[in-house]
Amino acid sequence: MLSENRTFGKMAFPSFSTTVSCLFAGAVCLLSGGQAMAGDGNIADSALPAEQKEFLPAFPGDDTITFATAYGDRNGHAHGTFGRFPANFETPPHIHSHAYRAVVLSGEMTNPFAGEENPPVLKPGAYWSVAAGSVHTTACVSDTPCEFFMYSDEGFDFKASE
């Protein structure tokens, strides 16, 4: 009787066949509908060599800030985007409709929130995140240009704060 539970003292343990059945059912679940557990089911195999990143002006008519798409569409959808700032550049105070996260790739950056006077200097490998609606600036504080990677489950916008 392999399908019965076994009792040891006051504890009941499922039998070997019950355990195998549960493991098999779990494996089938993962293989058939596992996207919910495994994350984004829309991820495809891809590679983007650094020399193939196409940096374009982030805002029409102004090439101060440039973006290169890694994946997705930052115009209202999940995306991963490379950004470049010139040396010693700071954005005006602004907000975004959706939260995002970012990692510094080169240069040194700051991301002061709501008038913060001494924000930490973020060197390559450093991370920051911005909540939706949070007033902040973003700056390249090094004498060399800065590059960063930002990503979000939602679109990206830039609205000057008042």
N, C-alpha and C. Protein backbone atom coordinates (compact mmCIF):
# COMPACT_ATOMS: atom_id res chain seq x y z
N MET A 1 0.84 -1.18 0.00
CA MET A 1 0.00 0.00 0.00
C MET A 1 0.88 1.24 0.00
N LEU A 2 1.35 1.62 -1.18
CA LEU A 2 2.26 2.74 -1.29
C LEU A 2 1.56 4.09 -1.23
N SER A 3 0.25 4.12 -1.42
CA SER A 3 -0.44 5.40 -1.47
C SER A 3 -0.92 5.89 -0.10
N GLU A 4 -0.73 5.11 0.93
CA GLU A 4 -1.19 5.53 2.25
C GLU A 4 -0.12 6.37 2.95
N ASN A 5 -0.58 7.22 3.87
CA ASN A 5 0.36 7.96 4.69
C ASN A 5 0.97 7.03 5.72
N ARG A 6 2.18 7.28 6.09
CA ARG A 6 2.88 6.51 7.12
C ARG A 6 2.93 7.34 8.39
N THR A 7 2.75 6.72 9.54
CA THR A 7 2.77 7.43 10.81
C THR A 7 3.98 6.99 11.61
N PHE A 8 4.71 7.97 12.11
CA PHE A 8 5.86 7.73 12.98
C PHE A 8 5.61 8.55 14.23
N GLY A 9 5.34 7.88 15.33
CA GLY A 9 4.96 8.59 16.55
C GLY A 9 3.65 9.30 16.29
N LYS A 10 3.61 10.59 16.54
CA LYS A 10 2.38 11.36 16.34
C LYS A 10 2.38 12.10 15.00
N MET A 11 3.45 11.93 14.18
CA MET A 11 3.55 12.66 12.92
C MET A 11 3.21 11.75 11.75
N ALA A 12 2.42 12.26 10.82
CA ALA A 12 2.06 11.52 9.62
C ALA A 12 2.87 12.07 8.46
N PHE A 13 3.45 11.19 7.66
CA PHE A 13 4.23 11.56 6.49
C PHE A 13 3.60 10.93 5.28
N PRO A 14 3.57 11.63 4.16
CA PRO A 14 3.01 11.02 2.95
C PRO A 14 3.90 9.88 2.49
N SER A 15 3.28 8.93 1.83
CA SER A 15 4.04 7.79 1.30
C SER A 15 4.90 8.23 0.13
N PHE A 16 5.78 7.36 -0.29
CA PHE A 16 6.68 7.64 -1.41
C PHE A 16 5.88 7.95 -2.67
N SER A 17 4.85 7.16 -2.97
CA SER A 17 4.08 7.39 -4.19
C SER A 17 3.32 8.70 -4.14
N THR A 18 2.81 9.08 -2.98
CA THR A 18 2.13 10.37 -2.85
C THR A 18 3.11 11.51 -3.08
N THR A 19 4.30 11.39 -2.52
CA THR A 19 5.33 12.41 -2.70
C THR A 19 5.72 12.54 -4.16
N VAL A 20 5.93 11.39 -4.84
CA VAL A 20 6.29 11.43 -6.26
C VAL A 20 5.16 12.04 -7.07
N SER A 21 3.91 11.71 -6.76
CA SER A 21 2.78 12.28 -7.47
C SER A 21 2.74 13.80 -7.32
N CYS A 22 2.98 14.29 -6.12
CA CYS A 22 2.98 15.73 -5.88
C CYS A 22 4.12 16.41 -6.63
N LEU A 23 5.30 15.81 -6.61
CA LEU A 23 6.44 16.37 -7.34
C LEU A 23 6.17 16.40 -8.83
N PHE A 24 5.58 15.32 -9.36
CA PHE A 24 5.26 15.27 -10.78
C PHE A 24 4.25 16.35 -11.14
N ALA A 25 3.22 16.50 -10.32
CA ALA A 25 2.20 17.52 -10.57
C ALA A 25 2.82 18.91 -10.55
N GLY A 26 3.74 19.14 -9.62
CA GLY A 26 4.42 20.43 -9.55
C GLY A 26 5.27 20.68 -10.79
N ALA A 27 5.95 19.65 -11.27
CA ALA A 27 6.78 19.79 -12.47
C ALA A 27 5.91 20.09 -13.68
N VAL A 28 4.78 19.43 -13.80
CA VAL A 28 3.87 19.69 -14.91
C VAL A 28 3.36 21.12 -14.84
N CYS A 29 3.04 21.58 -13.63
CA CYS A 29 2.58 22.95 -13.47
C CYS A 29 3.65 23.94 -13.93
N LEU A 30 4.88 23.70 -13.52
CA LEU A 30 5.97 24.60 -13.91
C LEU A 30 6.18 24.60 -15.41
N LEU A 31 6.11 23.43 -16.03
CA LEU A 31 6.37 23.33 -17.46
C LEU A 31 5.22 23.88 -18.30
N SER A 32 4.00 23.74 -17.81
CA SER A 32 2.86 24.17 -18.63
C SER A 32 2.42 25.60 -18.36
N GLY A 33 2.46 26.02 -17.12
CA GLY A 33 1.99 27.36 -16.81
C GLY A 33 2.95 28.09 -15.91
N GLY A 34 4.19 27.76 -15.96
CA GLY A 34 5.18 28.28 -15.03
C GLY A 34 5.56 29.71 -15.21
N GLN A 35 5.03 30.40 -16.23
CA GLN A 35 5.43 31.79 -16.41
C GLN A 35 5.15 32.61 -15.16
N ALA A 36 4.05 32.34 -14.50
CA ALA A 36 3.74 33.12 -13.31
C ALA A 36 4.78 32.92 -12.23
N MET A 37 5.35 31.74 -12.15
CA MET A 37 6.37 31.48 -11.15
C MET A 37 7.76 31.84 -11.65
N ALA A 38 7.99 31.73 -12.93
CA ALA A 38 9.32 31.94 -13.47
C ALA A 38 9.56 33.38 -13.90
N GLY A 39 8.56 34.22 -13.83
CA GLY A 39 8.75 35.61 -14.23
C GLY A 39 8.14 35.87 -15.59
N ASP A 40 8.70 36.81 -16.31
CA ASP A 40 8.17 37.25 -17.60
C ASP A 40 8.30 36.16 -18.65
N GLY A 41 7.19 35.64 -19.12
CA GLY A 41 7.19 34.60 -20.14
C GLY A 41 7.48 35.15 -21.52
N ASN A 42 7.65 36.46 -21.66
CA ASN A 42 7.91 37.06 -22.97
C ASN A 42 9.40 37.26 -23.25
N ILE A 43 10.25 36.82 -22.36
CA ILE A 43 11.69 36.98 -22.57
C ILE A 43 12.15 36.01 -23.63
N ALA A 44 12.88 36.54 -24.60
CA ALA A 44 13.44 35.72 -25.67
C ALA A 44 14.97 35.78 -25.57
N ASP A 45 15.62 34.75 -26.10
CA ASP A 45 17.08 34.76 -26.14
C ASP A 45 17.52 35.94 -27.00
N SER A 46 18.46 36.73 -26.51
CA SER A 46 18.97 37.85 -27.29
C SER A 46 20.29 38.33 -26.70
N ALA A 47 21.02 39.07 -27.49
CA ALA A 47 22.26 39.71 -27.04
C ALA A 47 22.37 41.05 -27.74
N LEU A 48 22.90 42.03 -27.06
CA LEU A 48 23.11 43.36 -27.64
C LEU A 48 24.55 43.77 -27.36
N PRO A 49 25.45 43.53 -28.32
CA PRO A 49 26.83 43.97 -28.13
C PRO A 49 26.89 45.48 -27.91
N ALA A 50 27.81 45.92 -27.08
CA ALA A 50 27.91 47.34 -26.73
C ALA A 50 28.01 48.22 -27.97
N GLU A 51 28.76 47.77 -28.97
CA GLU A 51 28.94 48.61 -30.16
C GLU A 51 27.68 48.70 -31.02
N GLN A 52 26.67 47.90 -30.73
CA GLN A 52 25.42 47.96 -31.49
C GLN A 52 24.32 48.75 -30.79
N LYS A 53 24.61 49.29 -29.59
CA LYS A 53 23.61 50.13 -28.94
C LYS A 53 23.44 51.40 -29.77
N GLU A 54 22.21 51.75 -30.08
CA GLU A 54 21.92 52.93 -30.87
C GLU A 54 21.36 54.03 -29.97
N PHE A 55 22.23 54.96 -29.58
CA PHE A 55 21.82 56.06 -28.71
C PHE A 55 21.16 57.15 -29.54
N LEU A 56 19.96 57.53 -29.13
CA LEU A 56 19.18 58.56 -29.81
C LEU A 56 18.76 59.61 -28.77
N PRO A 57 18.48 60.83 -29.20
CA PRO A 57 18.04 61.85 -28.24
C PRO A 57 16.82 61.38 -27.44
N ALA A 58 16.88 61.58 -26.14
CA ALA A 58 15.76 61.20 -25.27
C ALA A 58 14.57 62.11 -25.48
N PHE A 59 14.84 63.35 -25.85
CA PHE A 59 13.77 64.34 -26.04
C PHE A 59 13.96 64.99 -27.40
N PRO A 60 12.89 65.09 -28.19
CA PRO A 60 13.00 65.66 -29.54
C PRO A 60 13.68 67.04 -29.55
N GLY A 61 14.63 67.20 -30.44
CA GLY A 61 15.31 68.47 -30.59
C GLY A 61 16.40 68.76 -29.58
N ASP A 62 16.68 67.82 -28.68
CA ASP A 62 17.71 68.03 -27.66
C ASP A 62 18.50 66.75 -27.48
N ASP A 63 19.77 66.76 -27.89
CA ASP A 63 20.58 65.54 -27.80
C ASP A 63 21.47 65.51 -26.56
N THR A 64 21.13 66.31 -25.53
CA THR A 64 21.90 66.32 -24.30
C THR A 64 21.85 64.95 -23.62
N ILE A 65 20.65 64.41 -23.47
CA ILE A 65 20.45 63.08 -22.88
C ILE A 65 20.11 62.13 -24.02
N THR A 66 20.79 61.00 -24.07
CA THR A 66 20.49 60.01 -25.11
C THR A 66 20.14 58.68 -24.47
N PHE A 67 19.28 57.93 -25.16
CA PHE A 67 18.84 56.61 -24.70
C PHE A 67 19.06 55.59 -25.81
N ALA A 68 19.35 54.36 -25.40
CA ALA A 68 19.42 53.22 -26.31
C ALA A 68 18.58 52.10 -25.72
N THR A 69 17.67 51.57 -26.49
CA THR A 69 16.77 50.52 -26.01
C THR A 69 17.50 49.18 -25.94
N ALA A 70 17.40 48.53 -24.79
CA ALA A 70 17.91 47.16 -24.64
C ALA A 70 16.77 46.18 -24.91
N TYR A 71 15.60 46.48 -24.34
CA TYR A 71 14.41 45.65 -24.57
C TYR A 71 13.16 46.46 -24.28
N GLY A 72 12.06 46.03 -24.82
CA GLY A 72 10.77 46.64 -24.55
C GLY A 72 10.58 47.98 -25.25
N ASP A 73 9.67 48.77 -24.70
CA ASP A 73 9.29 50.05 -25.27
C ASP A 73 9.00 51.01 -24.12
N ARG A 74 9.88 51.95 -23.88
CA ARG A 74 9.70 52.84 -22.73
C ARG A 74 8.51 53.78 -22.90
N ASN A 75 7.89 53.82 -24.07
CA ASN A 75 6.70 54.65 -24.30
C ASN A 75 5.45 53.93 -23.82
N GLY A 76 5.37 53.68 -22.53
CA GLY A 76 4.17 53.11 -21.95
C GLY A 76 4.24 51.63 -21.62
N HIS A 77 5.41 51.01 -21.75
CA HIS A 77 5.51 49.57 -21.51
C HIS A 77 6.76 49.24 -20.70
N ALA A 78 6.86 47.99 -20.29
CA ALA A 78 8.07 47.52 -19.61
C ALA A 78 9.27 47.71 -20.53
N HIS A 79 10.40 48.09 -19.95
CA HIS A 79 11.57 48.36 -20.79
C HIS A 79 12.86 48.27 -19.98
N GLY A 80 13.95 48.11 -20.70
CA GLY A 80 15.29 48.26 -20.18
C GLY A 80 15.99 49.22 -21.13
N THR A 81 16.55 50.29 -20.61
CA THR A 81 17.08 51.37 -21.44
C THR A 81 18.44 51.83 -20.92
N PHE A 82 19.40 51.96 -21.83
CA PHE A 82 20.69 52.57 -21.50
C PHE A 82 20.53 54.07 -21.65
N GLY A 83 21.13 54.83 -20.76
CA GLY A 83 21.09 56.28 -20.84
C GLY A 83 22.49 56.86 -20.75
N ARG A 84 22.68 58.00 -21.40
CA ARG A 84 23.96 58.73 -21.33
C ARG A 84 23.70 60.19 -20.99
N PHE A 85 24.51 60.70 -20.07
CA PHE A 85 24.51 62.11 -19.70
C PHE A 85 25.90 62.66 -20.02
N PRO A 86 25.98 63.92 -20.44
CA PRO A 86 27.30 64.52 -20.60
C PRO A 86 27.95 64.77 -19.23
N ALA A 87 29.25 64.97 -19.23
CA ALA A 87 29.97 65.28 -17.99
C ALA A 87 29.39 66.53 -17.34
N ASN A 88 29.38 66.52 -16.01
CA ASN A 88 28.96 67.70 -15.22
C ASN A 88 27.60 68.25 -15.66
N PHE A 89 26.63 67.37 -15.75
CA PHE A 89 25.28 67.73 -16.18
C PHE A 89 24.28 67.33 -15.13
N GLU A 90 23.27 68.17 -14.89
CA GLU A 90 22.19 67.83 -13.96
C GLU A 90 20.85 68.19 -14.56
N THR A 91 19.89 67.30 -14.43
CA THR A 91 18.54 67.56 -14.91
C THR A 91 17.87 68.58 -13.99
N PRO A 92 16.85 69.26 -14.47
CA PRO A 92 16.05 70.08 -13.56
C PRO A 92 15.22 69.15 -12.66
N PRO A 93 14.70 69.66 -11.55
CA PRO A 93 13.82 68.83 -10.71
C PRO A 93 12.64 68.32 -11.53
N HIS A 94 12.31 67.05 -11.35
CA HIS A 94 11.25 66.45 -12.14
C HIS A 94 10.66 65.24 -11.43
N ILE A 95 9.59 64.70 -12.02
CA ILE A 95 8.95 63.48 -11.54
C ILE A 95 8.71 62.55 -12.73
N HIS A 96 8.38 61.30 -12.42
CA HIS A 96 7.98 60.30 -13.42
C HIS A 96 6.64 59.71 -12.97
N SER A 97 5.81 59.33 -13.92
CA SER A 97 4.51 58.72 -13.60
C SER A 97 4.66 57.33 -13.03
N HIS A 98 5.78 56.67 -13.35
CA HIS A 98 6.00 55.29 -12.90
C HIS A 98 7.38 55.16 -12.27
N ALA A 99 7.51 54.23 -11.35
CA ALA A 99 8.79 53.97 -10.70
C ALA A 99 9.77 53.35 -11.69
N TYR A 100 11.05 53.55 -11.42
CA TYR A 100 12.09 52.88 -12.20
C TYR A 100 13.28 52.59 -11.31
N ARG A 101 14.16 51.74 -11.80
CA ARG A 101 15.41 51.39 -11.11
C ARG A 101 16.56 51.63 -12.08
N ALA A 102 17.75 51.88 -11.55
CA ALA A 102 18.89 52.15 -12.43
C ALA A 102 20.20 51.70 -11.79
N VAL A 103 21.16 51.44 -12.66
CA VAL A 103 22.51 51.04 -12.25
C VAL A 103 23.50 51.90 -13.02
N VAL A 104 24.49 52.45 -12.33
CA VAL A 104 25.53 53.25 -12.97
C VAL A 104 26.52 52.32 -13.67
N LEU A 105 26.80 52.60 -14.94
CA LEU A 105 27.76 51.80 -15.70
C LEU A 105 29.11 52.48 -15.84
N SER A 106 29.10 53.82 -16.01
CA SER A 106 30.36 54.56 -16.09
C SER A 106 30.14 55.98 -15.61
N GLY A 107 31.21 56.62 -15.18
CA GLY A 107 31.11 57.96 -14.63
C GLY A 107 30.65 57.91 -13.18
N GLU A 108 30.35 59.08 -12.64
CA GLU A 108 29.85 59.20 -11.28
C GLU A 108 28.58 60.03 -11.30
N MET A 109 27.55 59.53 -10.63
CA MET A 109 26.24 60.16 -10.69
C MET A 109 25.70 60.43 -9.29
N THR A 110 24.71 61.31 -9.23
CA THR A 110 23.92 61.50 -8.02
C THR A 110 22.45 61.50 -8.42
N ASN A 111 21.62 61.27 -7.46
CA ASN A 111 20.18 61.28 -7.70
C ASN A 111 19.49 61.87 -6.46
N PRO A 112 19.69 63.18 -6.23
CA PRO A 112 19.11 63.78 -5.03
C PRO A 112 17.58 63.82 -5.08
N PHE A 113 16.98 63.51 -3.94
CA PHE A 113 15.52 63.52 -3.81
C PHE A 113 15.07 64.76 -3.07
N ALA A 114 14.03 65.42 -3.58
CA ALA A 114 13.36 66.55 -2.93
C ALA A 114 14.34 67.53 -2.29
N GLY A 115 15.31 68.01 -3.05
CA GLY A 115 16.23 69.02 -2.55
C GLY A 115 17.33 68.51 -1.65
N GLU A 116 17.54 67.22 -1.60
CA GLU A 116 18.61 66.63 -0.79
C GLU A 116 19.94 67.33 -1.14
N GLU A 117 20.66 67.80 -0.12
CA GLU A 117 21.86 68.59 -0.36
C GLU A 117 23.14 67.79 -0.51
N ASN A 118 23.25 66.66 0.13
CA ASN A 118 24.48 65.85 0.05
C ASN A 118 24.16 64.41 -0.35
N PRO A 119 23.66 64.20 -1.56
CA PRO A 119 23.34 62.83 -1.97
C PRO A 119 24.62 62.02 -2.15
N PRO A 120 24.54 60.72 -2.00
CA PRO A 120 25.73 59.90 -2.21
C PRO A 120 26.17 59.94 -3.67
N VAL A 121 27.48 59.90 -3.88
CA VAL A 121 28.02 59.80 -5.24
C VAL A 121 27.96 58.33 -5.63
N LEU A 122 27.34 58.07 -6.76
CA LEU A 122 27.12 56.70 -7.22
C LEU A 122 28.13 56.38 -8.32
N LYS A 123 29.01 55.45 -8.03
CA LYS A 123 30.06 55.04 -8.97
C LYS A 123 29.60 53.80 -9.73
N PRO A 124 30.34 53.39 -10.76
CA PRO A 124 29.94 52.19 -11.53
C PRO A 124 29.63 51.00 -10.61
N GLY A 125 28.49 50.39 -10.88
CA GLY A 125 28.01 49.28 -10.06
C GLY A 125 27.00 49.71 -9.02
N ALA A 126 26.87 51.02 -8.78
CA ALA A 126 25.90 51.52 -7.80
C ALA A 126 24.49 51.49 -8.39
N TYR A 127 23.51 51.49 -7.50
CA TYR A 127 22.10 51.33 -7.86
C TYR A 127 21.30 52.46 -7.24
N TRP A 128 20.23 52.89 -7.93
CA TRP A 128 19.24 53.78 -7.32
C TRP A 128 17.87 53.40 -7.85
N SER A 129 16.85 53.84 -7.12
CA SER A 129 15.47 53.65 -7.57
C SER A 129 14.70 54.92 -7.28
N VAL A 130 13.66 55.14 -8.06
CA VAL A 130 12.83 56.34 -7.92
C VAL A 130 11.37 55.90 -7.91
N ALA A 131 10.66 56.29 -6.88
CA ALA A 131 9.23 55.98 -6.79
C ALA A 131 8.44 56.89 -7.73
N ALA A 132 7.32 56.42 -8.18
CA ALA A 132 6.44 57.25 -9.01
C ALA A 132 6.09 58.52 -8.25
N GLY A 133 6.20 59.66 -8.92
CA GLY A 133 5.83 60.93 -8.33
C GLY A 133 6.87 61.55 -7.41
N SER A 134 8.01 60.93 -7.23
CA SER A 134 9.06 61.45 -6.34
C SER A 134 9.84 62.57 -7.04
N VAL A 135 9.87 63.75 -6.43
CA VAL A 135 10.63 64.87 -6.99
C VAL A 135 12.12 64.60 -6.78
N HIS A 136 12.88 64.71 -7.87
CA HIS A 136 14.32 64.45 -7.81
C HIS A 136 15.02 65.10 -8.99
N THR A 137 16.33 65.08 -8.95
CA THR A 137 17.15 65.41 -10.11
C THR A 137 18.07 64.21 -10.31
N THR A 138 18.68 64.13 -11.47
CA THR A 138 19.68 63.11 -11.74
C THR A 138 20.86 63.82 -12.38
N ALA A 139 22.06 63.50 -11.92
CA ALA A 139 23.22 64.24 -12.40
C ALA A 139 24.40 63.33 -12.68
N CYS A 140 25.19 63.74 -13.67
CA CYS A 140 26.51 63.17 -13.92
C CYS A 140 27.47 64.17 -13.29
N VAL A 141 28.12 63.80 -12.21
CA VAL A 141 28.98 64.73 -11.47
C VAL A 141 30.46 64.52 -11.76
N SER A 142 30.77 63.66 -12.72
CA SER A 142 32.16 63.41 -13.07
C SER A 142 32.58 64.28 -14.25
N ASP A 143 33.89 64.37 -14.45
CA ASP A 143 34.44 65.12 -15.59
C ASP A 143 34.39 64.31 -16.88
N THR A 144 33.87 63.11 -16.80
CA THR A 144 33.68 62.26 -17.98
C THR A 144 32.19 61.96 -18.10
N PRO A 145 31.70 61.67 -19.30
CA PRO A 145 30.27 61.35 -19.46
C PRO A 145 29.87 60.15 -18.60
N CYS A 146 28.59 60.06 -18.32
CA CYS A 146 28.04 58.97 -17.52
C CYS A 146 27.13 58.10 -18.38
N GLU A 147 27.15 56.80 -18.08
CA GLU A 147 26.21 55.87 -18.70
C GLU A 147 25.56 55.07 -17.58
N PHE A 148 24.27 54.81 -17.74
CA PHE A 148 23.52 54.05 -16.76
C PHE A 148 22.53 53.14 -17.48
N PHE A 149 21.99 52.19 -16.76
CA PHE A 149 20.95 51.31 -17.29
C PHE A 149 19.75 51.44 -16.39
N MET A 150 18.59 51.79 -16.95
CA MET A 150 17.36 51.89 -16.17
C MET A 150 16.35 50.88 -16.68
N TYR A 151 15.50 50.44 -15.78
CA TYR A 151 14.49 49.46 -16.16
C TYR A 151 13.24 49.65 -15.32
N SER A 152 12.12 49.28 -15.93
CA SER A 152 10.83 49.46 -15.27
C SER A 152 9.81 48.51 -15.87
N ASP A 153 8.79 48.19 -15.10
CA ASP A 153 7.68 47.39 -15.59
C ASP A 153 6.65 48.25 -16.32
N GLU A 154 6.88 49.56 -16.32
CA GLU A 154 5.95 50.51 -16.93
C GLU A 154 6.72 51.47 -17.82
N GLY A 155 6.02 52.36 -18.46
CA GLY A 155 6.64 53.33 -19.35
C GLY A 155 7.46 54.38 -18.62
N PHE A 156 8.16 55.19 -19.39
CA PHE A 156 9.02 56.25 -18.86
C PHE A 156 8.54 57.59 -19.39
N ASP A 157 8.42 58.56 -18.49
CA ASP A 157 8.14 59.92 -18.88
C ASP A 157 8.94 60.86 -18.00
N PHE A 158 8.94 62.12 -18.34
CA PHE A 158 9.71 63.13 -17.63
C PHE A 158 8.83 64.36 -17.52
N LYS A 159 8.48 64.76 -16.29
CA LYS A 159 7.63 65.93 -16.09
C LYS A 159 8.31 66.87 -15.12
N ALA A 160 8.56 68.10 -15.57
CA ALA A 160 9.16 69.09 -14.68
C ALA A 160 8.29 69.25 -13.44
N SER A 161 8.91 69.30 -12.28
CA SER A 161 8.13 69.49 -11.05
C SER A 161 7.88 70.97 -10.84
N GLU A 162 6.84 71.26 -10.12
CA GLU A 162 6.45 72.67 -9.94
C GLU A 162 6.77 73.15 -8.56
